[in-house]
Protein backbone atom coordinates (compact mmCIF):
# COMPACT_ATOMS: atom_id res chain seq x y z
CA MET A 1 0.82 12.62 -2.34
CA SER A 2 3.53 11.78 -4.88
CA ASP A 3 7.08 13.19 -4.79
CA ALA A 4 6.30 15.29 -7.90
CA GLU A 5 3.29 16.91 -6.22
CA ALA A 6 5.28 17.60 -3.04
CA LEU A 7 8.02 19.21 -5.13
CA ARG A 8 5.48 21.37 -6.96
CA ARG A 9 3.89 22.52 -3.72
CA PHE A 10 7.27 23.42 -2.19
CA VAL A 11 8.43 25.46 -5.21
CA LEU A 12 5.18 27.37 -5.67
CA ASP A 13 4.86 28.06 -1.93
CA THR A 14 8.44 29.34 -1.81
CA LEU A 15 7.86 31.64 -4.77
CA ALA A 16 4.65 32.99 -3.19
CA ASP A 17 6.52 33.50 0.09
CA VAL A 18 9.09 35.80 -1.55
CA GLY A 19 6.32 37.91 -3.10
CA ALA A 20 6.10 36.35 -6.55
CA THR A 21 2.84 36.17 -8.48
CA VAL A 22 2.07 32.67 -9.79
CA SER A 23 -0.33 32.03 -12.67
CA GLU A 24 -1.01 28.33 -13.30
CA ALA A 25 -1.59 27.21 -16.89
CA ASP A 26 -0.62 23.54 -17.14
CA PRO A 27 1.86 22.36 -18.20
CA LEU A 28 3.47 25.78 -17.57
CA SER A 29 3.34 28.17 -14.64
CA TRP A 30 4.02 31.86 -15.27
CA ILE A 31 5.95 33.67 -12.55
CA GLN A 32 6.36 37.38 -11.87
CA VAL A 33 9.05 38.04 -9.27
CA PRO A 34 9.89 41.29 -7.46
CA GLU A 35 13.15 43.02 -8.23
CA ARG A 36 14.75 42.10 -4.89
CA VAL A 37 14.83 38.35 -5.68
CA ARG A 38 15.56 38.42 -9.41
CA SER A 39 19.30 38.30 -8.86
CA ASP A 40 18.96 35.44 -6.36
CA LEU A 41 17.04 33.31 -8.85
CA GLU A 42 18.91 34.68 -11.90
CA VAL A 43 15.65 35.15 -13.84
CA PRO A 44 13.86 38.01 -15.64
CA SER A 45 10.88 39.75 -14.08
CA THR A 46 8.45 37.40 -15.86
CA PHE A 47 9.28 33.84 -16.86
CA ALA A 48 7.77 30.38 -17.14
CA ILE A 49 8.54 27.17 -15.23
CA THR A 50 7.53 23.61 -15.94
CA PHE A 51 7.67 20.36 -13.99
CA ASP A 52 7.44 18.32 -17.22
CA PRO A 53 10.84 17.62 -18.88
CA ASP A 54 9.10 17.29 -22.28
CA ARG A 55 7.95 20.93 -22.18
CA VAL A 56 11.27 22.62 -21.43
CA GLY A 57 11.43 24.19 -24.90
CA ASP A 58 8.05 25.92 -24.53
CA PHE A 59 8.57 29.68 -24.01
CA GLU A 60 12.10 28.93 -22.68
CA ALA A 61 10.54 27.54 -19.51
CA GLU A 62 12.81 26.74 -16.57
CA LEU A 63 12.73 23.04 -15.69
CA VAL A 64 11.95 22.25 -12.06
CA ALA A 65 13.13 18.70 -11.30
CA PRO A 66 15.56 16.98 -8.91
CA GLY A 67 19.06 18.16 -9.82
CA SER A 68 17.91 21.07 -12.02
CA TYR A 69 19.71 24.39 -11.66
CA PHE A 70 16.51 26.35 -10.99
CA LEU A 71 15.50 24.03 -8.14
CA GLU A 72 18.94 24.47 -6.59
CA ARG A 73 18.40 28.25 -6.66
CA ILE A 74 14.94 27.91 -5.11
CA VAL A 75 16.25 25.72 -2.27
CA ALA A 76 19.17 28.07 -1.64
CA LEU A 77 16.75 31.02 -1.50
CA ALA A 78 14.43 29.25 0.94
CA ALA A 79 17.33 28.19 3.16
CA SER A 80 18.91 31.66 3.20
CA ARG A 81 15.61 33.32 4.15
CA GLY A 82 14.98 30.86 6.98
CA ARG A 83 11.36 30.52 5.93
CA TRP A 84 9.08 30.67 8.98
CA ASP A 85 5.34 31.15 9.32
CA VAL A 86 2.62 30.74 11.94
CA ALA A 87 -0.81 29.18 11.44
CA ARG A 88 -3.77 28.11 13.52
CA PHE A 89 -6.13 25.15 13.36
CA ASP A 90 -9.62 25.46 14.86
CA ALA A 91 -11.73 22.39 15.63
CA ALA A 92 -15.39 22.78 14.70
CA ASP A 93 -16.61 20.89 17.80
CA ALA A 94 -15.53 18.42 20.45
CA GLU A 95 -16.44 15.44 18.25
CA TRP A 96 -12.86 15.42 16.93
CA ILE A 97 -11.73 13.61 20.08
CA GLN A 98 -13.87 10.52 19.50
CA GLN A 99 -13.18 10.68 15.76
CA SER A 100 -9.43 10.74 16.40
CA LEU A 101 -9.72 7.69 18.63
CA SER A 102 -11.75 5.82 16.00
CA GLU A 103 -9.26 6.72 13.24
CA GLY A 104 -6.48 5.45 15.49
CA GLY A 105 -8.22 2.10 16.04
CA LEU A 106 -9.38 2.92 19.56
CA GLY A 107 -13.03 3.73 19.01
CA SER A 108 -15.78 2.64 21.39
CA GLU A 109 -16.63 -0.23 19.03
CA THR A 110 -13.29 -1.85 19.98
CA GLY A 111 -14.16 -1.91 23.68
CA VAL A 112 -12.01 1.12 24.55
CA HIS A 113 -13.84 3.64 26.75
CA LEU A 114 -13.01 7.33 27.06
CA GLU A 115 -13.20 8.19 30.76
CA THR A 116 -11.92 11.77 31.01
CA ALA A 117 -10.90 14.52 28.62
CA GLU A 118 -9.09 17.75 29.51
CA LEU A 119 -9.02 20.34 26.71
CA GLY A 120 -6.23 22.85 26.10
CA GLU A 121 -3.96 24.33 23.43
CA THR A 122 -0.41 23.72 22.28
CA VAL A 123 2.00 24.60 19.48
CA LEU A 124 3.21 22.04 16.97
CA LEU A 125 6.27 22.67 14.81
CA LEU A 126 6.28 21.45 11.21
CA PHE A 127 9.79 21.07 9.72
CA SER A 128 10.25 20.81 5.94
CA PHE A 129 13.36 18.82 5.02
CA ARG A 130 14.90 18.23 1.61
CA VAL A 131 16.71 14.86 1.43
CA THR A 132 19.21 14.35 -1.41
CA LEU A 133 20.77 11.00 -2.37
CA VAL A 134 23.69 11.26 -4.79
CA SER A 135 25.68 8.54 -6.53
CA ASP A 136 25.80 7.78 -10.26
CA GLU A 137 22.24 9.11 -10.11
CA LYS A 138 20.57 11.77 -7.98
CA ARG A 139 17.34 11.43 -6.04
CA GLU A 140 15.53 14.05 -4.02
CA ARG A 141 12.50 14.03 -1.81
CA PHE A 142 10.80 16.43 0.59
CA HIS A 143 9.73 15.24 4.05
CA LEU A 144 7.46 17.04 6.50
CA ILE A 145 8.16 16.19 10.14
CA ALA A 146 5.84 17.42 12.90
CA VAL A 147 7.16 17.85 16.43
CA SER A 148 5.15 18.31 19.61
CA PRO A 149 7.31 20.05 22.24
CA THR A 150 4.56 19.30 24.78
CA THR A 151 4.87 15.51 24.48
CA GLY A 152 8.39 15.30 23.04
CA SER A 153 7.22 13.23 20.06
CA ALA A 154 7.78 13.56 16.30
CA TRP A 155 6.09 11.99 13.29
CA GLU A 156 5.98 12.31 9.49
CA VAL A 157 3.10 14.26 7.94
CA ASP A 158 1.44 13.61 4.61
CA SER A 159 2.09 16.61 2.33
CA ALA A 160 -1.53 16.47 1.11
CA LYS A 161 -2.78 17.22 4.64
CA ALA A 162 -0.15 19.75 5.68
CA ASP A 163 -2.26 22.83 4.83
CA SER A 164 -5.67 21.34 5.60
CA GLY A 165 -7.81 23.64 7.72
CA LEU A 166 -4.98 26.06 8.62
CA THR A 167 -5.44 29.81 8.96
CA ALA A 168 -2.39 32.06 8.60
CA LEU A 169 -1.40 34.19 11.63
CA PRO A 170 1.33 36.47 10.25
CA GLN A 171 1.35 38.78 13.30
CA ALA A 172 1.51 36.06 15.97
CA ARG A 173 4.63 35.88 18.15
CA ILE A 174 5.65 32.36 19.14
CA GLU A 175 9.00 31.53 20.67
CA PRO A 176 9.27 27.75 21.11
CA ASP A 177 12.49 25.89 21.91
CA LEU A 178 13.57 25.35 18.31
CA GLN A 179 16.85 23.62 19.15
CA ALA A 180 15.21 20.80 21.11
CA ALA A 181 12.39 20.48 18.57
CA TYR A 182 14.88 20.40 15.68
CA ARG A 183 16.81 17.55 17.30
CA LEU A 184 13.60 15.54 17.65
CA GLY A 185 12.65 16.27 14.03
CA ALA A 186 16.09 15.38 12.69
CA GLU A 187 16.12 12.09 14.59
CA LYS A 188 12.68 11.22 13.23
CA LEU A 189 13.87 12.10 9.72
CA ARG A 190 16.83 9.71 10.09
CA GLU A 191 14.47 6.99 11.29
CA THR A 192 12.02 7.64 8.43
CA THR A 193 14.65 7.63 5.69
CA ARG A 194 16.92 4.88 7.07
CA GLU A 195 15.43 2.13 4.89
CA ALA A 196 15.49 4.21 1.68
CA VAL A 197 19.05 5.39 2.32
CA GLY A 198 20.19 1.83 3.04
CA ALA A 199 18.60 0.52 -0.16
CA PHE A 200 20.16 3.36 -2.19
CA ARG A 201 23.57 2.70 -0.66
CA ALA A 202 23.35 -1.05 -1.33
CA ALA A 203 22.32 -0.46 -4.95
CA SER A 204 25.13 2.05 -5.50
CA LEU A 205 27.77 -0.22 -3.99
CA GLY A 206 26.51 -3.08 -6.14
CA LEU A 207 26.93 -0.93 -9.26
CA LEU A 208 30.38 0.14 -8.02
CA GLU A 209 31.48 -3.47 -7.57
CA GLU A 210 30.23 -4.36 -11.03
CA GLU A 211 32.02 -1.40 -12.65
CA VAL A 212 35.29 -2.11 -10.78
CA ARG A 213 35.13 -5.73 -11.91
CA ARG A 214 34.63 -4.60 -15.49
CA ILE A 215 37.57 -2.17 -15.34
CA PHE A 216 39.92 -4.77 -13.87
CA GLY A 217 38.82 -7.32 -16.45
CA TYR A 218 39.43 -4.94 -19.35
CA PHE A 219 42.87 -3.72 -18.23
CA ASP A 220 44.06 -7.16 -17.10
CA ARG A 221 43.29 -8.53 -20.56
CA THR A 222 45.08 -5.56 -22.13
CA ILE A 223 48.19 -6.12 -20.00
CA GLU A 224 48.20 -9.84 -20.81
CA GLU A 225 47.98 -9.11 -24.54
CA ILE A 226 50.86 -6.62 -24.34
CA GLN A 227 53.05 -9.03 -22.41
CA ALA A 228 52.24 -11.85 -24.79
CA ALA A 229 53.14 -9.71 -27.82
CA ASP A 230 56.43 -8.39 -26.33
CA PRO A 231 57.55 -10.38 -23.25
CA ASP A 232 60.90 -8.58 -22.86
CA GLY A 233 59.86 -5.01 -23.44
CA SER A 234 56.99 -2.59 -23.35
CA GLN A 235 57.52 -1.67 -19.67
CA ASP A 236 56.73 1.98 -20.33
CA LEU A 237 53.53 0.96 -22.10
CA LEU A 238 52.58 -1.32 -19.22
CA ARG A 239 53.14 1.46 -16.68
CA ALA A 240 50.95 3.76 -18.76
CA VAL A 241 48.20 1.16 -18.95
CA ARG A 242 48.32 0.57 -15.19
CA GLY A 243 48.24 4.32 -14.56
CA GLU A 244 45.14 4.65 -16.75
CA ARG A 245 43.53 1.75 -14.89
CA ASP A 246 44.15 3.41 -11.52
CA ARG A 247 42.76 6.72 -12.81
CA ARG A 248 39.60 5.01 -14.07
CA LEU A 249 39.19 3.20 -10.74
CA ALA A 250 39.49 6.46 -8.78
CA GLU A 251 36.91 8.15 -11.02
CA THR A 252 34.54 5.19 -10.65
CA VAL A 253 34.81 5.16 -6.85
CA GLU A 254 34.11 8.90 -6.77
CA ARG A 255 31.15 8.58 -9.14
CA PHE A 256 29.43 5.65 -7.40
CA ASP A 257 30.25 6.61 -3.79
CA PRO A 258 26.76 7.04 -2.22
CA LYS A 259 26.16 10.27 -0.29
CA ALA A 260 23.07 11.36 1.61
CA SER A 261 22.32 14.85 2.88
CA ALA A 262 19.36 16.68 4.36
CA SER A 263 18.68 20.40 4.53
CA LEU A 264 16.04 22.32 6.46
CA CYS A 265 13.90 24.40 4.11
CA ALA A 266 11.10 25.82 6.26
CA ILE A 267 9.48 25.82 9.71
CA ARG A 268 5.81 26.34 10.49
CA ALA A 269 4.35 26.83 13.97
CA ILE A 270 0.77 25.61 14.32
CA GLN A 271 -1.49 26.61 17.22
CA VAL A 272 -3.83 23.69 17.76
CA PRO A 273 -6.36 22.41 20.34
CA ILE A 274 -5.30 19.34 22.29
CA ALA A 275 -7.04 16.90 24.62
CA ARG A 276 -5.52 14.88 27.42
CA VAL A 277 -7.59 11.74 27.84
CA HIS A 278 -7.70 8.67 30.04
CA LEU A 279 -8.62 5.51 28.15
CA ARG A 280 -9.90 2.28 29.66
CA LEU A 281 -8.76 -0.64 27.52
CA PRO A 282 -10.55 -3.99 27.38
CA GLN A 283 -10.00 -6.11 30.51
CA GLY A 284 -9.65 -3.04 32.70
CA ARG A 285 -6.23 -1.49 31.99
CA GLY A 286 -6.13 2.33 31.98
CA ILE A 287 -3.77 4.48 29.93
CA ASP A 288 -3.22 8.23 29.48
CA ALA A 289 -2.90 9.72 25.99
CA THR A 290 -2.76 13.10 24.26
CA LEU A 291 -4.51 14.03 21.01
CA ASP A 292 -4.34 17.15 18.85
CA ALA A 293 -7.14 18.29 16.57
CA TRP A 294 -4.90 18.90 13.52
CA SER A 295 -2.95 15.64 13.11
CA ARG A 296 -5.50 13.42 14.98
CA ARG A 297 -2.51 11.50 16.36
CA VAL A 298 -2.98 9.46 19.55
CA ASP A 299 0.20 10.17 21.50
CA GLY A 300 1.37 8.36 24.62
CA LEU A 301 0.89 4.74 23.49
CA ALA A 302 3.56 2.15 22.74
CA CYS A 303 3.19 -1.10 20.84
CA ASP A 304 3.37 -4.12 23.16
CA VAL A 305 5.27 -6.05 20.45
CA CYS A 306 7.74 -3.68 18.72
CA HIS A 307 7.49 -0.81 21.25
CA GLY A 308 6.86 1.66 18.42
CA ILE A 309 4.81 4.78 19.09
CA ASP A 310 3.08 5.18 15.72
CA GLY A 311 -0.47 3.84 15.25
CA PRO A 312 -3.05 2.92 14.17
CA TRP A 313 -3.61 0.61 17.11
CA ILE A 314 -5.30 -2.70 17.92
CA PRO A 315 -6.37 -3.20 21.57
CA TYR A 316 -6.16 -6.71 23.02
CA ALA A 317 -5.96 -8.32 26.46
CA GLY A 318 -5.41 -5.05 28.31
CA ALA A 319 -2.65 -3.82 25.95
CA VAL A 320 -2.24 -2.38 22.45
CA ARG A 321 -0.17 -3.27 19.40
CA CYS A 322 0.32 -1.38 16.16
CA VAL A 323 -1.29 -2.67 12.97
CA ARG A 324 2.16 -3.41 11.47
CA CYS A 325 2.95 -6.11 14.04
CA PRO A 326 1.55 -9.65 13.70
CA PRO A 327 -0.89 -10.97 16.29
CA THR A 328 0.68 -12.01 19.57
CA PRO A 329 0.59 -15.65 20.78
CA ALA A 330 -2.13 -14.67 23.24
CA GLU A 331 -4.32 -13.42 20.38
CA SER A 332 -3.72 -16.39 18.11
CA ALA A 333 -3.99 -19.12 20.79
CA ARG A 334 -6.87 -21.61 20.47
CA PRO A 335 -9.72 -21.02 22.89
CA ARG A 336 -9.67 -23.21 25.98
CA GLY A 337 -12.47 -25.39 27.28
CA ARG A 338 -13.84 -26.46 23.91
CA PRO A 339 -15.69 -29.78 24.27
CA ARG A 340 -14.10 -32.71 22.54
CA SER A 341 -15.79 -33.65 19.30
CA ASP A 342 -16.68 -37.24 18.37
CA THR A 343 -16.28 -36.39 14.70
CA PRO A 344 -13.04 -37.86 13.31
CA ARG A 345 -10.51 -35.38 11.97
CA ARG A 346 -10.12 -35.07 8.21
CA GLY A 347 -7.50 -37.44 6.86
CA THR A 348 -7.68 -39.89 9.78
CA ARG A 349 -9.43 -43.23 10.18
CA ASP A 350 -12.72 -43.24 11.93
CA GLY A 351 -11.73 -46.39 13.86
CA ARG A 352 -14.54 -48.62 12.62
CA GLY A 353 -14.33 -52.13 14.06
CA SER A 354 -12.13 -51.04 16.93
CA ALA A 355 -14.76 -49.34 19.05
CA ARG A 356 -16.03 -51.31 22.01
CA SER A 357 -19.56 -51.43 23.27
CA PRO A 358 -20.13 -50.37 26.84
CA ARG A 359 -19.87 -53.15 29.39
CA GLY A 360 -23.18 -54.86 29.82
CA SER A 361 -24.49 -53.82 26.43
CA THR A 362 -26.71 -56.40 24.76
CA ALA A 363 -26.94 -54.60 21.45
CA ARG A 364 -25.75 -56.54 18.42
CA SER A 365 -23.59 -54.84 15.87
CA ARG A 366 -24.76 -54.42 12.28
CA ALA A 367 -22.05 -56.83 11.15
CA ALA A 368 -23.11 -59.42 13.68
CA SER A 369 -26.76 -59.17 12.83
CA GLY A 370 -26.03 -59.67 9.18
CA ARG A 371 -23.85 -62.76 9.76
CA ARG A 372 -25.54 -66.19 9.43
CA ARG A 373 -24.96 -68.65 12.28
CA ALA A 374 -22.96 -71.72 11.30
CA PRO A 375 -24.81 -75.01 11.34
C-alpha cells in the first residue's frame, strides 16, 4: 500500500472513530461531524476533504496532506483520545498452519517436516505510529508495528492487510502490559526507519553544506569589493555586511537542520489463534517456532548468516537463512566426488602430440601411419 493510501485510511478511520459520517465521492469526501468534536477540528458540521492538492478549491474542501493544517488537527485529536480498540481474528480451519509455513519458505516441499502442533490463543498489539521528517522539506509516513507479548517479538505490518479478516469486539476487556509492548514496538520502529532517516539526514546536510558555501561565497565577494573600492574606510559597512552574513547562516542552519519525530496515534488489541510447532529441518535438526493465524509470521527462527528474525526463510544443511542474505559457502561449494572429465576445458589446449601411448602399445598413430618411410 502506498503512503497516500495509508494516510487516507488513517484519516477516515479516525473520523469514523469520533462518530463522524463519511460519504466518499472521489475526489472529495463529505464529512458530518458531531458537535463535540467540531471545535477540536475547527470545522462546520458538514464539510468536504480532499487528498488531491489540485481539488482544494472545490467546495472549499480541506486539504489532507503531509504538513497540512487539517491533518495536524486530526493527529492531535487521535493522540488526545488515545485511540484504542479490540478485534478478533478467527481461522477457518487448521490448514492455516501449513499455509503459514509454506508462505514463510518452510513448506513440506522444502524438506521441512511439521512434527507437532499445539493450538492456543494470544493477544497481539498493533501500534500505529506517525513518523515526521522535517528539514527544508517535510515528509510524513504512517507505520504499523505489531507486537507479540507472548514471544517478545515485533514486526512491521502492511497497511493493506491490517484490517483483513478482523471482527470488532467493542465490549472486550483486555489488559496487556502496554509499557513493555510499547518499548518493543518503538525499538522496531527505530530499526525500520533507520535507513530512511539516515538518507534524509544525509540529503539535508548536503543541502546545508551547499547553501552555506553559497552564502560565504556571496558575502566574501561583497566584502572584497567593498575593501577594494575603499581600502581605508567603510568599516561600519563591513560590520553590517558581516552581521547580515551571520544572520543568514543562522537561518540556513535552522532551516536545513534535519529533525525526526514519531508519535503514537492508535493501539489495537487483536485476539488471534496461535500454534506452537516443532519443525524438523533437512539433515535432522529440530527447531521450535510459533505461528499466529492473522500475520502468518513464523516466530522463533534466526538467520544463520545475519541473525535476523524476519523471514521468509530458506532451509539448508540443518539451518535456515533469510531470503535477503546471499547463499553461504556451504551452499555454493562445488559438489565433491565428481569424476574427472577427459574433455579439455574451454580456452585450453587439448594437448595433441604430447599424449603418450600406454607402455606396450603397438598401435600406430594417425600421423605415423600417414608418413612415408624414407628410402
